[in-house]
Amino acid sequence: MPAQKALKALSVPGVKPPSVSCTDPNCPWHGSLRVRGVLLEGTVEKLKTKTTVVVRHDYLYYDSKFKRYEWRRTKKHAHVPPCVDVKPGDKVLIGETRPLSKTVKFVVLGKLER
């Protein structure tokens, strides 16, 4: 029986560490993947594969010509470790990491609790 890997101490506000362990090397909690850069909130739109999701990030943009704010959105592809269980419609927190593939440069840290 393999030994259970130690849980990294990521201090992410609003996200609890997963209770399930995994052996994914690209897991920010149990693997060796480092999270650096920005943290974004978003909504899971669809599961592309079992390890990748599309996250929609809504943000406010200031238009200086018309002197007002407008809502804009962008879609980010993010890696999902097996220890984090997400489905479409969930609010998640994603963190920037090194490029994992051509389009995947973020990893899901966990679901946001309401």
PDB file of N, CA and C in Angstrom:
ATOM      1  N   MET A   1       0.850  -1.174   0.000  1.00  0.00           N
ATOM      2  CA  MET A   1       0.000   0.000   0.000  1.00  0.00           C
ATOM      3  C   MET A   1       0.893   1.233   0.000  1.00  0.00           C
ATOM      4  N   PRO A   2       0.706   2.161  -0.965  1.00  0.00           N
ATOM      5  CA  PRO A   2       1.565   3.336  -1.016  1.00  0.00           C
ATOM      6  C   PRO A   2       1.287   4.283   0.138  1.00  0.00           C
ATOM      7  N   ALA A   3       2.336   4.954   0.573  1.00  0.00           N
ATOM      8  CA  ALA A   3       2.184   5.915   1.654  1.00  0.00           C
ATOM      9  C   ALA A   3       1.437   7.139   1.151  1.00  0.00           C
ATOM     10  N   GLN A   4       0.627   7.733   2.021  1.00  0.00           N
ATOM     11  CA  GLN A   4      -0.137   8.902   1.640  1.00  0.00           C
ATOM     12  C   GLN A   4       0.788  10.111   1.611  1.00  0.00           C
ATOM     13  N   LYS A   5       0.712  10.884   0.523  1.00  0.00           N
ATOM     14  CA  LYS A   5       1.581  12.043   0.371  1.00  0.00           C
ATOM     15  C   LYS A   5       1.151  13.149   1.319  1.00  0.00           C
ATOM     16  N   ALA A   6       2.130  13.929   1.751  1.00  0.00           N
ATOM     17  CA  ALA A   6       1.843  15.037   2.642  1.00  0.00           C
ATOM     18  C   ALA A   6       1.133  16.154   1.887  1.00  0.00           C
ATOM     19  N   LEU A   7       0.236  16.820   2.564  1.00  0.00           N
ATOM     20  CA  LEU A   7      -0.525  17.907   1.978  1.00  0.00           C
ATOM     21  C   LEU A   7       0.272  19.193   2.101  1.00  0.00           C
ATOM     22  N   LYS A   8       0.421  19.916   0.983  1.00  0.00           N
ATOM     23  CA  LYS A   8       1.133  21.187   1.014  1.00  0.00           C
ATOM     24  C   LYS A   8       0.284  22.218   1.734  1.00  0.00           C
ATOM     25  N   ALA A   9       0.945  23.162   2.353  1.00  0.00           N
ATOM     26  CA  ALA A   9       0.248  24.202   3.104  1.00  0.00           C
ATOM     27  C   ALA A   9       0.060  25.423   2.220  1.00  0.00           C
ATOM     28  N   LEU A  10      -0.909  25.354   1.301  1.00  0.00           N
ATOM     29  CA  LEU A  10      -1.248  26.512   0.478  1.00  0.00           C
ATOM     30  C   LEU A  10      -2.225  27.363   1.265  1.00  0.00           C
ATOM     31  N   SER A  11      -1.914  28.626   1.432  1.00  0.00           N
ATOM     32  CA  SER A  11      -2.827  29.506   2.173  1.00  0.00           C
ATOM     33  C   SER A  11      -3.690  30.263   1.170  1.00  0.00           C
ATOM     34  N   VAL A  12      -4.811  29.643   0.799  1.00  0.00           N
ATOM     35  CA  VAL A  12      -5.733  30.231  -0.161  1.00  0.00           C
ATOM     36  C   VAL A  12      -7.017  30.564   0.589  1.00  0.00           C
ATOM     37  N   PRO A  13      -7.396  31.846   0.643  1.00  0.00           N
ATOM     38  CA  PRO A  13      -8.610  32.197   1.388  1.00  0.00           C
ATOM     39  C   PRO A  13      -9.872  31.695   0.692  1.00  0.00           C
ATOM     40  N   GLY A  14     -10.763  31.085   1.467  1.00  0.00           N
ATOM     41  CA  GLY A  14     -12.033  30.621   0.930  1.00  0.00           C
ATOM     42  C   GLY A  14     -12.012  29.224   0.346  1.00  0.00           C
ATOM     43  N   VAL A  15     -10.841  28.567   0.312  1.00  0.00           N
ATOM     44  CA  VAL A  15     -10.738  27.232  -0.271  1.00  0.00           C
ATOM     45  C   VAL A  15     -10.174  26.278   0.778  1.00  0.00           C
ATOM     46  N   LYS A  16     -10.907  25.200   1.015  1.00  0.00           N
ATOM     47  CA  LYS A  16     -10.418  24.169   1.931  1.00  0.00           C
ATOM     48  C   LYS A  16      -9.588  23.159   1.156  1.00  0.00           C
ATOM     49  N   PRO A  17      -8.519  22.622   1.764  1.00  0.00           N
ATOM     50  CA  PRO A  17      -7.755  21.572   1.084  1.00  0.00           C
ATOM     51  C   PRO A  17      -8.626  20.344   0.857  1.00  0.00           C
ATOM     52  N   PRO A  18      -8.396  19.606  -0.228  1.00  0.00           N
ATOM     53  CA  PRO A  18      -9.222  18.421  -0.489  1.00  0.00           C
ATOM     54  C   PRO A  18      -8.965  17.334   0.539  1.00  0.00           C
ATOM     55  N   SER A  19     -10.020  16.597   0.868  1.00  0.00           N
ATOM     56  CA  SER A  19      -9.895  15.524   1.855  1.00  0.00           C
ATOM     57  C   SER A  19      -9.398  14.230   1.226  1.00  0.00           C
ATOM     58  N   VAL A  20      -9.486  14.139  -0.114  1.00  0.00           N
ATOM     59  CA  VAL A  20      -9.057  12.946  -0.836  1.00  0.00           C
ATOM     60  C   VAL A  20      -7.629  13.160  -1.326  1.00  0.00           C
ATOM     61  N   SER A  21      -6.813  12.132  -1.253  1.00  0.00           N
ATOM     62  CA  SER A  21      -5.440  12.216  -1.732  1.00  0.00           C
ATOM     63  C   SER A  21      -5.367  11.755  -3.189  1.00  0.00           C
ATOM     64  N   CYS A  22      -4.345  12.232  -3.916  1.00  0.00           N
ATOM     65  CA  CYS A  22      -4.169  11.811  -5.297  1.00  0.00           C
ATOM     66  C   CYS A  22      -2.686  11.672  -5.605  1.00  0.00           C
ATOM     67  N   THR A  23      -2.383  11.072  -6.747  1.00  0.00           N
ATOM     68  CA  THR A  23      -0.989  10.860  -7.145  1.00  0.00           C
ATOM     69  C   THR A  23      -0.625  11.656  -8.388  1.00  0.00           C
ATOM     70  N   ASP A  24      -1.414  12.670  -8.711  1.00  0.00           N
ATOM     71  CA  ASP A  24      -1.173  13.487  -9.896  1.00  0.00           C
ATOM     72  C   ASP A  24       0.036  14.396  -9.651  1.00  0.00           C
ATOM     73  N   PRO A  25       1.070  14.353 -10.509  1.00  0.00           N
ATOM     74  CA  PRO A  25       2.210  15.252 -10.302  1.00  0.00           C
ATOM     75  C   PRO A  25       1.860  16.712 -10.559  1.00  0.00           C
ATOM     76  N   ASN A  26       0.761  16.985 -11.294  1.00  0.00           N
ATOM     77  CA  ASN A  26       0.339  18.353 -11.561  1.00  0.00           C
ATOM     78  C   ASN A  26      -0.737  18.835 -10.593  1.00  0.00           C
ATOM     79  N   CYS A  27      -0.803  18.247  -9.410  1.00  0.00           N
ATOM     80  CA  CYS A  27      -1.737  18.674  -8.379  1.00  0.00           C
ATOM     81  C   CYS A  27      -1.041  19.718  -7.500  1.00  0.00           C
ATOM     82  N   PRO A  28      -1.688  20.876  -7.259  1.00  0.00           N
ATOM     83  CA  PRO A  28      -1.035  21.864  -6.402  1.00  0.00           C
ATOM     84  C   PRO A  28      -1.030  21.470  -4.931  1.00  0.00           C
ATOM     85  N   TRP A  29      -1.873  20.528  -4.527  1.00  0.00           N
ATOM     86  CA  TRP A  29      -1.951  20.114  -3.124  1.00  0.00           C
ATOM     87  C   TRP A  29      -1.050  18.914  -2.835  1.00  0.00           C
ATOM     88  N   HIS A  30      -1.016  17.912  -3.722  1.00  0.00           N
ATOM     89  CA  HIS A  30      -0.289  16.672  -3.455  1.00  0.00           C
ATOM     90  C   HIS A  30       0.908  16.451  -4.378  1.00  0.00           C
ATOM     91  N   GLY A  31       1.015  17.208  -5.449  1.00  0.00           N
ATOM     92  CA  GLY A  31       2.097  17.036  -6.408  1.00  0.00           C
ATOM     93  C   GLY A  31       3.162  18.101  -6.251  1.00  0.00           C
ATOM     94  N   SER A  32       3.929  18.283  -7.315  1.00  0.00           N
ATOM     95  CA  SER A  32       5.045  19.228  -7.257  1.00  0.00           C
ATOM     96  C   SER A  32       4.776  20.496  -8.059  1.00  0.00           C
ATOM     97  N   LEU A  33       3.532  20.749  -8.455  1.00  0.00           N
ATOM     98  CA  LEU A  33       3.203  21.918  -9.256  1.00  0.00           C
ATOM     99  C   LEU A  33       3.129  23.156  -8.367  1.00  0.00           C
ATOM    100  N   ARG A  34       3.826  24.219  -8.785  1.00  0.00           N
ATOM    101  CA  ARG A  34       3.840  25.453  -8.012  1.00  0.00           C
ATOM    102  C   ARG A  34       2.851  26.438  -8.617  1.00  0.00           C
ATOM    103  N   VAL A  35       2.130  27.125  -7.744  1.00  0.00           N
ATOM    104  CA  VAL A  35       1.169  28.138  -8.169  1.00  0.00           C
ATOM    105  C   VAL A  35       1.816  29.493  -7.967  1.00  0.00           C
ATOM    106  N   ARG A  36       1.853  30.296  -9.063  1.00  0.00           N
ATOM    107  CA  ARG A  36       2.418  31.632  -8.974  1.00  0.00           C
ATOM    108  C   ARG A  36       1.613  32.542  -9.867  1.00  0.00           C
ATOM    109  N   GLY A  37       1.685  33.819  -9.625  1.00  0.00           N
ATOM    110  CA  GLY A  37       0.949  34.757 -10.465  1.00  0.00           C
ATOM    111  C   GLY A  37      -0.429  35.055  -9.906  1.00  0.00           C
ATOM    112  N   VAL A  38      -1.412  35.146 -10.796  1.00  0.00           N
ATOM    113  CA  VAL A  38      -2.740  35.616 -10.402  1.00  0.00           C
ATOM    114  C   VAL A  38      -3.638  34.470  -9.938  1.00  0.00           C
ATOM    115  N   LEU A  39      -4.590  34.812  -9.089  1.00  0.00           N
ATOM    116  CA  LEU A  39      -5.676  33.925  -8.685  1.00  0.00           C
ATOM    117  C   LEU A  39      -6.965  34.522  -9.226  1.00  0.00           C
ATOM    118  N   LEU A  40      -7.756  33.715  -9.927  1.00  0.00           N
ATOM    119  CA  LEU A  40      -8.991  34.193 -10.548  1.00  0.00           C
ATOM    120  C   LEU A  40     -10.172  33.363 -10.086  1.00  0.00           C
ATOM    121  N   GLU A  41     -11.318  34.025  -9.920  1.00  0.00           N
ATOM    122  CA  GLU A  41     -12.569  33.331  -9.648  1.00  0.00           C
ATOM    123  C   GLU A  41     -13.314  33.161 -10.959  1.00  0.00           C
ATOM    124  N   GLY A  42     -14.011  32.057 -11.083  1.00  0.00           N
ATOM    125  CA  GLY A  42     -14.774  31.841 -12.301  1.00  0.00           C
ATOM    126  C   GLY A  42     -15.803  30.748 -12.128  1.00  0.00           C
ATOM    127  N   THR A  43     -16.551  30.509 -13.185  1.00  0.00           N
ATOM    128  CA  THR A  43     -17.587  29.485 -13.205  1.00  0.00           C
ATOM    129  C   THR A  43     -17.198  28.424 -14.220  1.00  0.00           C
ATOM    130  N   VAL A  44     -17.324  27.171 -13.832  1.00  0.00           N
ATOM    131  CA  VAL A  44     -17.003  26.069 -14.740  1.00  0.00           C
ATOM    132  C   VAL A  44     -18.082  26.004 -15.811  1.00  0.00           C
ATOM    133  N   GLU A  45     -17.669  26.117 -17.070  1.00  0.00           N
ATOM    134  CA  GLU A  45     -18.625  26.033 -18.175  1.00  0.00           C
ATOM    135  C   GLU A  45     -18.769  24.610 -18.673  1.00  0.00           C
ATOM    136  N   LYS A  46     -17.639  23.928 -18.914  1.00  0.00           N
ATOM    137  CA  LYS A  46     -17.734  22.552 -19.386  1.00  0.00           C
ATOM    138  C   LYS A  46     -16.464  21.804 -19.058  1.00  0.00           C
ATOM    139  N   LEU A  47     -16.612  20.489 -18.985  1.00  0.00           N
ATOM    140  CA  LEU A  47     -15.479  19.588 -18.777  1.00  0.00           C
ATOM    141  C   LEU A  47     -15.025  19.111 -20.142  1.00  0.00           C
ATOM    142  N   LYS A  48     -13.837  19.544 -20.564  1.00  0.00           N
ATOM    143  CA  LYS A  48     -13.353  19.133 -21.872  1.00  0.00           C
ATOM    144  C   LYS A  48     -12.901  17.671 -21.849  1.00  0.00           C
ATOM    145  N   THR A  49     -12.092  17.320 -20.880  1.00  0.00           N
ATOM    146  CA  THR A  49     -11.677  15.942 -20.654  1.00  0.00           C
ATOM    147  C   THR A  49     -11.827  15.690 -19.172  1.00  0.00           C
ATOM    148  N   LYS A  50     -11.330  14.563 -18.698  1.00  0.00           N
ATOM    149  CA  LYS A  50     -11.467  14.324 -17.262  1.00  0.00           C
ATOM    150  C   LYS A  50     -10.471  15.141 -16.443  1.00  0.00           C
ATOM    151  N   THR A  51      -9.489  15.763 -17.097  1.00  0.00           N
ATOM    152  CA  THR A  51      -8.511  16.555 -16.356  1.00  0.00           C
ATOM    153  C   THR A  51      -8.479  18.027 -16.760  1.00  0.00           C
ATOM    154  N   THR A  52      -9.355  18.473 -17.655  1.00  0.00           N
ATOM    155  CA  THR A  52      -9.345  19.864 -18.098  1.00  0.00           C
ATOM    156  C   THR A  52     -10.756  20.431 -18.092  1.00  0.00           C
ATOM    157  N   VAL A  53     -10.890  21.665 -17.612  1.00  0.00           N
ATOM    158  CA  VAL A  53     -12.182  22.354 -17.630  1.00  0.00           C
ATOM    159  C   VAL A  53     -12.016  23.704 -18.307  1.00  0.00           C
ATOM    160  N   VAL A  54     -13.152  24.253 -18.768  1.00  0.00           N
ATOM    161  CA  VAL A  54     -13.196  25.610 -19.286  1.00  0.00           C
ATOM    162  C   VAL A  54     -13.875  26.459 -18.216  1.00  0.00           C
ATOM    163  N   VAL A  55     -13.179  27.515 -17.772  1.00  0.00           N
ATOM    164  CA  VAL A  55     -13.671  28.384 -16.711  1.00  0.00           C
ATOM    165  C   VAL A  55     -13.959  29.759 -17.312  1.00  0.00           C
ATOM    166  N   ARG A  56     -15.171  30.285 -17.079  1.00  0.00           N
ATOM    167  CA  ARG A  56     -15.529  31.617 -17.552  1.00  0.00           C
ATOM    168  C   ARG A  56     -15.251  32.618 -16.436  1.00  0.00           C
ATOM    169  N   HIS A  57     -14.408  33.619 -16.748  1.00  0.00           N
ATOM    170  CA  HIS A  57     -14.028  34.655 -15.781  1.00  0.00           C
ATOM    171  C   HIS A  57     -14.665  35.967 -16.204  1.00  0.00           C
ATOM    172  N   ASP A  58     -15.582  36.508 -15.383  1.00  0.00           N
ATOM    173  CA  ASP A  58     -16.234  37.789 -15.646  1.00  0.00           C
ATOM    174  C   ASP A  58     -15.505  38.886 -14.878  1.00  0.00           C
ATOM    175  N   TYR A  59     -15.303  40.033 -15.535  1.00  0.00           N
ATOM    176  CA  TYR A  59     -14.604  41.131 -14.878  1.00  0.00           C
ATOM    177  C   TYR A  59     -15.129  42.464 -15.401  1.00  0.00           C
ATOM    178  N   LEU A  60     -14.901  43.522 -14.623  1.00  0.00           N
ATOM    179  CA  LEU A  60     -15.299  44.867 -15.021  1.00  0.00           C
ATOM    180  C   LEU A  60     -14.151  45.544 -15.756  1.00  0.00           C
ATOM    181  N   TYR A  61     -14.480  46.227 -16.850  1.00  0.00           N
ATOM    182  CA  TYR A  61     -13.493  46.956 -17.639  1.00  0.00           C
ATOM    183  C   TYR A  61     -13.937  48.416 -17.724  1.00  0.00           C
ATOM    184  N   TYR A  62     -13.017  49.351 -17.479  1.00  0.00           N
ATOM    185  CA  TYR A  62     -13.342  50.769 -17.551  1.00  0.00           C
ATOM    186  C   TYR A  62     -13.069  51.276 -18.952  1.00  0.00           C
ATOM    187  N   ASP A  63     -14.112  51.794 -19.611  1.00  0.00           N
ATOM    188  CA  ASP A  63     -13.988  52.367 -20.939  1.00  0.00           C
ATOM    189  C   ASP A  63     -13.794  53.871 -20.782  1.00  0.00           C
ATOM    190  N   SER A  64     -12.583  54.352 -21.074  1.00  0.00           N
ATOM    191  CA  SER A  64     -12.268  55.756 -20.811  1.00  0.00           C
ATOM    192  C   SER A  64     -12.943  56.700 -21.800  1.00  0.00           C
ATOM    193  N   LYS A  65     -13.258  56.239 -22.991  1.00  0.00           N
ATOM    194  CA  LYS A  65     -13.919  57.102 -23.964  1.00  0.00           C
ATOM    195  C   LYS A  65     -15.324  57.486 -23.499  1.00  0.00           C
ATOM    196  N   PHE A  66     -16.077  56.497 -23.019  1.00  0.00           N
ATOM    197  CA  PHE A  66     -17.445  56.741 -22.574  1.00  0.00           C
ATOM    198  C   PHE A  66     -17.549  56.925 -21.065  1.00  0.00           C
ATOM    199  N   LYS A  67     -16.421  56.834 -20.363  1.00  0.00           N
ATOM    200  CA  LYS A  67     -16.346  57.065 -18.913  1.00  0.00           C
ATOM    201  C   LYS A  67     -17.365  56.222 -18.144  1.00  0.00           C
ATOM    202  N   ARG A  68     -17.315  54.932 -18.398  1.00  0.00           N
ATOM    203  CA  ARG A  68     -18.186  54.018 -17.675  1.00  0.00           C
ATOM    204  C   ARG A  68     -17.536  52.632 -17.656  1.00  0.00           C
ATOM    205  N   TYR A  69     -18.101  51.778 -16.821  1.00  0.00           N
ATOM    206  CA  TYR A  69     -17.617  50.404 -16.712  1.00  0.00           C
ATOM    207  C   TYR A  69     -18.503  49.499 -17.548  1.00  0.00           C
ATOM    208  N   GLU A  70     -17.925  48.406 -18.022  1.00  0.00           N
ATOM    209  CA  GLU A  70     -18.702  47.400 -18.732  1.00  0.00           C
ATOM    210  C   GLU A  70     -18.197  46.020 -18.319  1.00  0.00           C
ATOM    211  N   TRP A  71     -19.111  45.071 -18.338  1.00  0.00           N
ATOM    212  CA  TRP A  71     -18.755  43.697 -18.011  1.00  0.00           C
ATOM    213  C   TRP A  71     -18.132  43.031 -19.227  1.00  0.00           C
ATOM    214  N   ARG A  72     -17.017  42.370 -18.999  1.00  0.00           N
ATOM    215  CA  ARG A  72     -16.396  41.565 -20.040  1.00  0.00           C
ATOM    216  C   ARG A  72     -16.153  40.179 -19.470  1.00  0.00           C
ATOM    217  N   ARG A  73     -15.929  39.226 -20.373  1.00  0.00           N
ATOM    218  CA  ARG A  73     -15.669  37.859 -19.911  1.00  0.00           C
ATOM    219  C   ARG A  73     -14.609  37.232 -20.792  1.00  0.00           C
ATOM    220  N   THR A  74     -13.911  36.275 -20.212  1.00  0.00           N
ATOM    221  CA  THR A  74     -12.925  35.513 -20.950  1.00  0.00           C
ATOM    222  C   THR A  74     -13.005  34.066 -20.484  1.00  0.00           C
ATOM    223  N   LYS A  75     -12.576  33.175 -21.339  1.00  0.00           N
ATOM    224  CA  LYS A  75     -12.579  31.752 -20.992  1.00  0.00           C
ATOM    225  C   LYS A  75     -11.146  31.295 -20.812  1.00  0.00           C
ATOM    226  N   LYS A  76     -10.893  30.582 -19.742  1.00  0.00           N
ATOM    227  CA  LYS A  76      -9.574  30.041 -19.441  1.00  0.00           C
ATOM    228  C   LYS A  76      -9.678  28.527 -19.351  1.00  0.00           C
ATOM    229  N   HIS A  77      -8.690  27.832 -19.874  1.00  0.00           N
ATOM    230  CA  HIS A  77      -8.615  26.388 -19.714  1.00  0.00           C
ATOM    231  C   HIS A  77      -7.779  26.113 -18.476  1.00  0.00           C
ATOM    232  N   ALA A  78      -8.241  25.186 -17.639  1.00  0.00           N
ATOM    233  CA  ALA A  78      -7.560  24.899 -16.382  1.00  0.00           C
ATOM    234  C   ALA A  78      -7.480  23.394 -16.163  1.00  0.00           C
ATOM    235  N   HIS A  79      -6.385  22.966 -15.539  1.00  0.00           N
ATOM    236  CA  HIS A  79      -6.190  21.561 -15.189  1.00  0.00           C
ATOM    237  C   HIS A  79      -6.939  21.268 -13.897  1.00  0.00           C
ATOM    238  N   VAL A  80      -7.586  20.101 -13.835  1.00  0.00           N
ATOM    239  CA  VAL A  80      -8.298  19.678 -12.637  1.00  0.00           C
ATOM    240  C   VAL A  80      -7.623  18.437 -12.084  1.00  0.00           C
ATOM    241  N   PRO A  81      -7.042  18.510 -10.873  1.00  0.00           N
ATOM    242  CA  PRO A  81      -6.486  17.297 -10.272  1.00  0.00           C
ATOM    243  C   PRO A  81      -7.603  16.342  -9.846  1.00  0.00           C
ATOM    244  N   PRO A  82      -7.311  15.052  -9.755  1.00  0.00           N
ATOM    245  CA  PRO A  82      -8.364  14.083  -9.398  1.00  0.00           C
ATOM    246  C   PRO A  82      -8.942  14.275  -7.996  1.00  0.00           C
ATOM    247  N   CYS A  83      -8.213  14.949  -7.107  1.00  0.00           N
ATOM    248  CA  CYS A  83      -8.702  15.127  -5.741  1.00  0.00           C
ATOM    249  C   CYS A  83      -9.728  16.253  -5.625  1.00  0.00           C
ATOM    250  N   VAL A  84      -9.869  17.078  -6.659  1.00  0.00           N
ATOM    251  CA  VAL A  84     -10.844  18.172  -6.657  1.00  0.00           C
ATOM    252  C   VAL A  84     -12.004  17.764  -7.557  1.00  0.00           C
ATOM    253  N   ASP A  85     -13.206  17.730  -6.989  1.00  0.00           N
ATOM    254  CA  ASP A  85     -14.388  17.300  -7.730  1.00  0.00           C
ATOM    255  C   ASP A  85     -15.183  18.526  -8.152  1.00  0.00           C
ATOM    256  N   VAL A  86     -15.240  18.793  -9.464  1.00  0.00           N
ATOM    257  CA  VAL A  86     -16.003  19.926  -9.989  1.00  0.00           C
ATOM    258  C   VAL A  86     -16.947  19.454 -11.081  1.00  0.00           C
ATOM    259  N   LYS A  87     -18.005  20.220 -11.278  1.00  0.00           N
ATOM    260  CA  LYS A  87     -18.954  19.946 -12.352  1.00  0.00           C
ATOM    261  C   LYS A  87     -19.394  21.284 -12.931  1.00  0.00           C
ATOM    262  N   PRO A  88     -20.001  21.301 -14.123  1.00  0.00           N
ATOM    263  CA  PRO A  88     -20.421  22.570 -14.722  1.00  0.00           C
ATOM    264  C   PRO A  88     -21.359  23.350 -13.807  1.00  0.00           C
ATOM    265  N   GLY A  89     -21.112  24.654 -13.708  1.00  0.00           N
ATOM    266  CA  GLY A  89     -21.911  25.529 -12.852  1.00  0.00           C
ATOM    267  C   GLY A  89     -21.259  25.840 -11.524  1.00  0.00           C
ATOM    268  N   ASP A  90     -20.197  25.137 -11.152  1.00  0.00           N
ATOM    269  CA  ASP A  90     -19.519  25.384  -9.878  1.00  0.00           C
ATOM    270  C   ASP A  90     -18.675  26.647  -9.954  1.00  0.00           C
ATOM    271  N   LYS A  91     -18.642  27.400  -8.843  1.00  0.00           N
ATOM    272  CA  LYS A  91     -17.733  28.530  -8.712  1.00  0.00           C
ATOM    273  C   LYS A  91     -16.402  27.980  -8.201  1.00  0.00           C
ATOM    274  N   VAL A  92     -15.318  28.272  -8.922  1.00  0.00           N
ATOM    275  CA  VAL A  92     -14.003  27.739  -8.563  1.00  0.00           C
ATOM    276  C   VAL A  92     -12.987  28.864  -8.502  1.00  0.00           C
ATOM    277  N   LEU A  93     -11.874  28.568  -7.840  1.00  0.00           N
ATOM    278  CA  LEU A  93     -10.733  29.464  -7.800  1.00  0.00           C
ATOM    279  C   LEU A  93      -9.611  28.788  -8.573  1.00  0.00           C
ATOM    280  N   ILE A  94      -9.062  29.504  -9.571  1.00  0.00           N
ATOM    281  CA  ILE A  94      -7.967  28.944 -10.352  1.00  0.00           C
ATOM    282  C   ILE A  94      -6.729  29.789 -10.127  1.00  0.00           C
ATOM    283  N   GLY A  95      -5.567  29.143 -10.173  1.00  0.00           N
ATOM    284  CA  GLY A  95      -4.305  29.829  -9.981  1.00  0.00           C
ATOM    285  C   GLY A  95      -3.400  29.634 -11.174  1.00  0.00           C
ATOM    286  N   GLU A  96      -2.618  30.658 -11.476  1.00  0.00           N
ATOM    287  CA  GLU A  96      -1.704  30.591 -12.607  1.00  0.00           C
ATOM    288  C   GLU A  96      -0.514  29.708 -12.266  1.00  0.00           C
ATOM    289  N   THR A  97      -0.042  28.975 -13.243  1.00  0.00           N
ATOM    290  CA  THR A  97       1.079  28.072 -13.068  1.00  0.00           C
ATOM    291  C   THR A  97       1.900  28.055 -14.353  1.00  0.00           C
ATOM    292  N   ARG A  98       2.901  27.230 -14.405  1.00  0.00           N
ATOM    293  CA  ARG A  98       3.685  27.105 -15.633  1.00  0.00           C
ATOM    294  C   ARG A  98       2.794  26.487 -16.710  1.00  0.00           C
ATOM    295  N   PRO A  99       3.131  26.657 -17.989  1.00  0.00           N
ATOM    296  CA  PRO A  99       2.297  26.058 -19.037  1.00  0.00           C
ATOM    297  C   PRO A  99       2.307  24.527 -18.954  1.00  0.00           C
ATOM    298  N   LEU A 100       1.115  23.950 -18.867  1.00  0.00           N
ATOM    299  CA  LEU A 100       0.976  22.498 -18.818  1.00  0.00           C
ATOM    300  C   LEU A 100       0.735  21.916 -20.199  1.00  0.00           C
ATOM    301  N   SER A 101       0.200  22.723 -21.109  1.00  0.00           N
ATOM    302  CA  SER A 101       0.007  22.329 -22.503  1.00  0.00           C
ATOM    303  C   SER A 101      -0.081  23.618 -23.317  1.00  0.00           C
ATOM    304  N   LYS A 102      -0.519  23.502 -24.555  1.00  0.00           N
ATOM    305  CA  LYS A 102      -0.598  24.680 -25.427  1.00  0.00           C
ATOM    306  C   LYS A 102      -1.550  25.743 -24.878  1.00  0.00           C
ATOM    307  N   THR A 103      -2.688  25.326 -24.330  1.00  0.00           N
ATOM    308  CA  THR A 103      -3.683  26.292 -23.859  1.00  0.00           C
ATOM    309  C   THR A 103      -3.879  26.288 -22.346  1.00  0.00           C
ATOM    310  N   VAL A 104      -3.371  25.298 -21.633  1.00  0.00           N
ATOM    311  CA  VAL A 104      -3.621  25.181 -20.197  1.00  0.00           C
ATOM    312  C   VAL A 104      -2.473  25.815 -19.424  1.00  0.00           C
ATOM    313  N   LYS A 105      -2.787  26.933 -18.741  1.00  0.00           N
ATOM    314  CA  LYS A 105      -1.793  27.626 -17.934  1.00  0.00           C
ATOM    315  C   LYS A 105      -2.312  27.931 -16.536  1.00  0.00           C
ATOM    316  N   PHE A 106      -3.452  27.331 -16.172  1.00  0.00           N
ATOM    317  CA  PHE A 106      -4.058  27.510 -14.863  1.00  0.00           C
ATOM    318  C   PHE A 106      -4.387  26.141 -14.274  1.00  0.00           C
ATOM    319  N   VAL A 107      -4.553  26.102 -12.962  1.00  0.00           N
ATOM    320  CA  VAL A 107      -4.940  24.875 -12.271  1.00  0.00           C
ATOM    321  C   VAL A 107      -6.060  25.225 -11.285  1.00  0.00           C
ATOM    322  N   VAL A 108      -7.031  24.322 -11.139  1.00  0.00           N
ATOM    323  CA  VAL A 108      -8.138  24.534 -10.213  1.00  0.00           C
ATOM    324  C   VAL A 108      -7.637  24.235  -8.804  1.00  0.00           C
ATOM    325  N   LEU A 109      -7.789  25.230  -7.903  1.00  0.00           N
ATOM    326  CA  LEU A 109      -7.372  25.054  -6.523  1.00  0.00           C
ATOM    327  C   LEU A 109      -8.483  24.481  -5.662  1.00  0.00           C
ATOM    328  N   GLY A 110      -9.726  24.769  -6.014  1.00  0.00           N
ATOM    329  CA  GLY A 110     -10.845  24.216  -5.268  1.00  0.00           C
ATOM    330  C   GLY A 110     -12.125  24.977  -5.562  1.00  0.00           C
ATOM    331  N   LYS A 111     -13.226  24.440  -5.009  1.00  0.00           N
ATOM    332  CA  LYS A 111     -14.518  25.101  -5.133  1.00  0.00           C
ATOM    333  C   LYS A 111     -14.592  26.222  -4.105  1.00  0.00           C
ATOM    334  N   LEU A 112     -15.263  27.294  -4.487  1.00  0.00           N
ATOM    335  CA  LEU A 112     -15.505  28.383  -3.540  1.00  0.00           C
ATOM    336  C   LEU A 112     -16.752  28.071  -2.751  1.00  0.00           C
ATOM    337  N   GLU A 113     -16.679  28.297  -1.453  1.00  0.00           N
ATOM    338  CA  GLU A 113     -17.809  27.998  -0.589  1.00  0.00           C
ATOM    339  C   GLU A 113     -18.696  29.214  -0.475  1.00  0.00           C
ATOM    340  N   ARG A 114     -19.972  28.999  -0.508  1.00  0.00           N
ATOM    341  CA  ARG A 114     -20.940  30.101  -0.427  1.00  0.00           C
ATOM    342  C   ARG A 114     -21.369  30.293   0.991  1.00  0.00           C
TER     343      ARG A 114
END
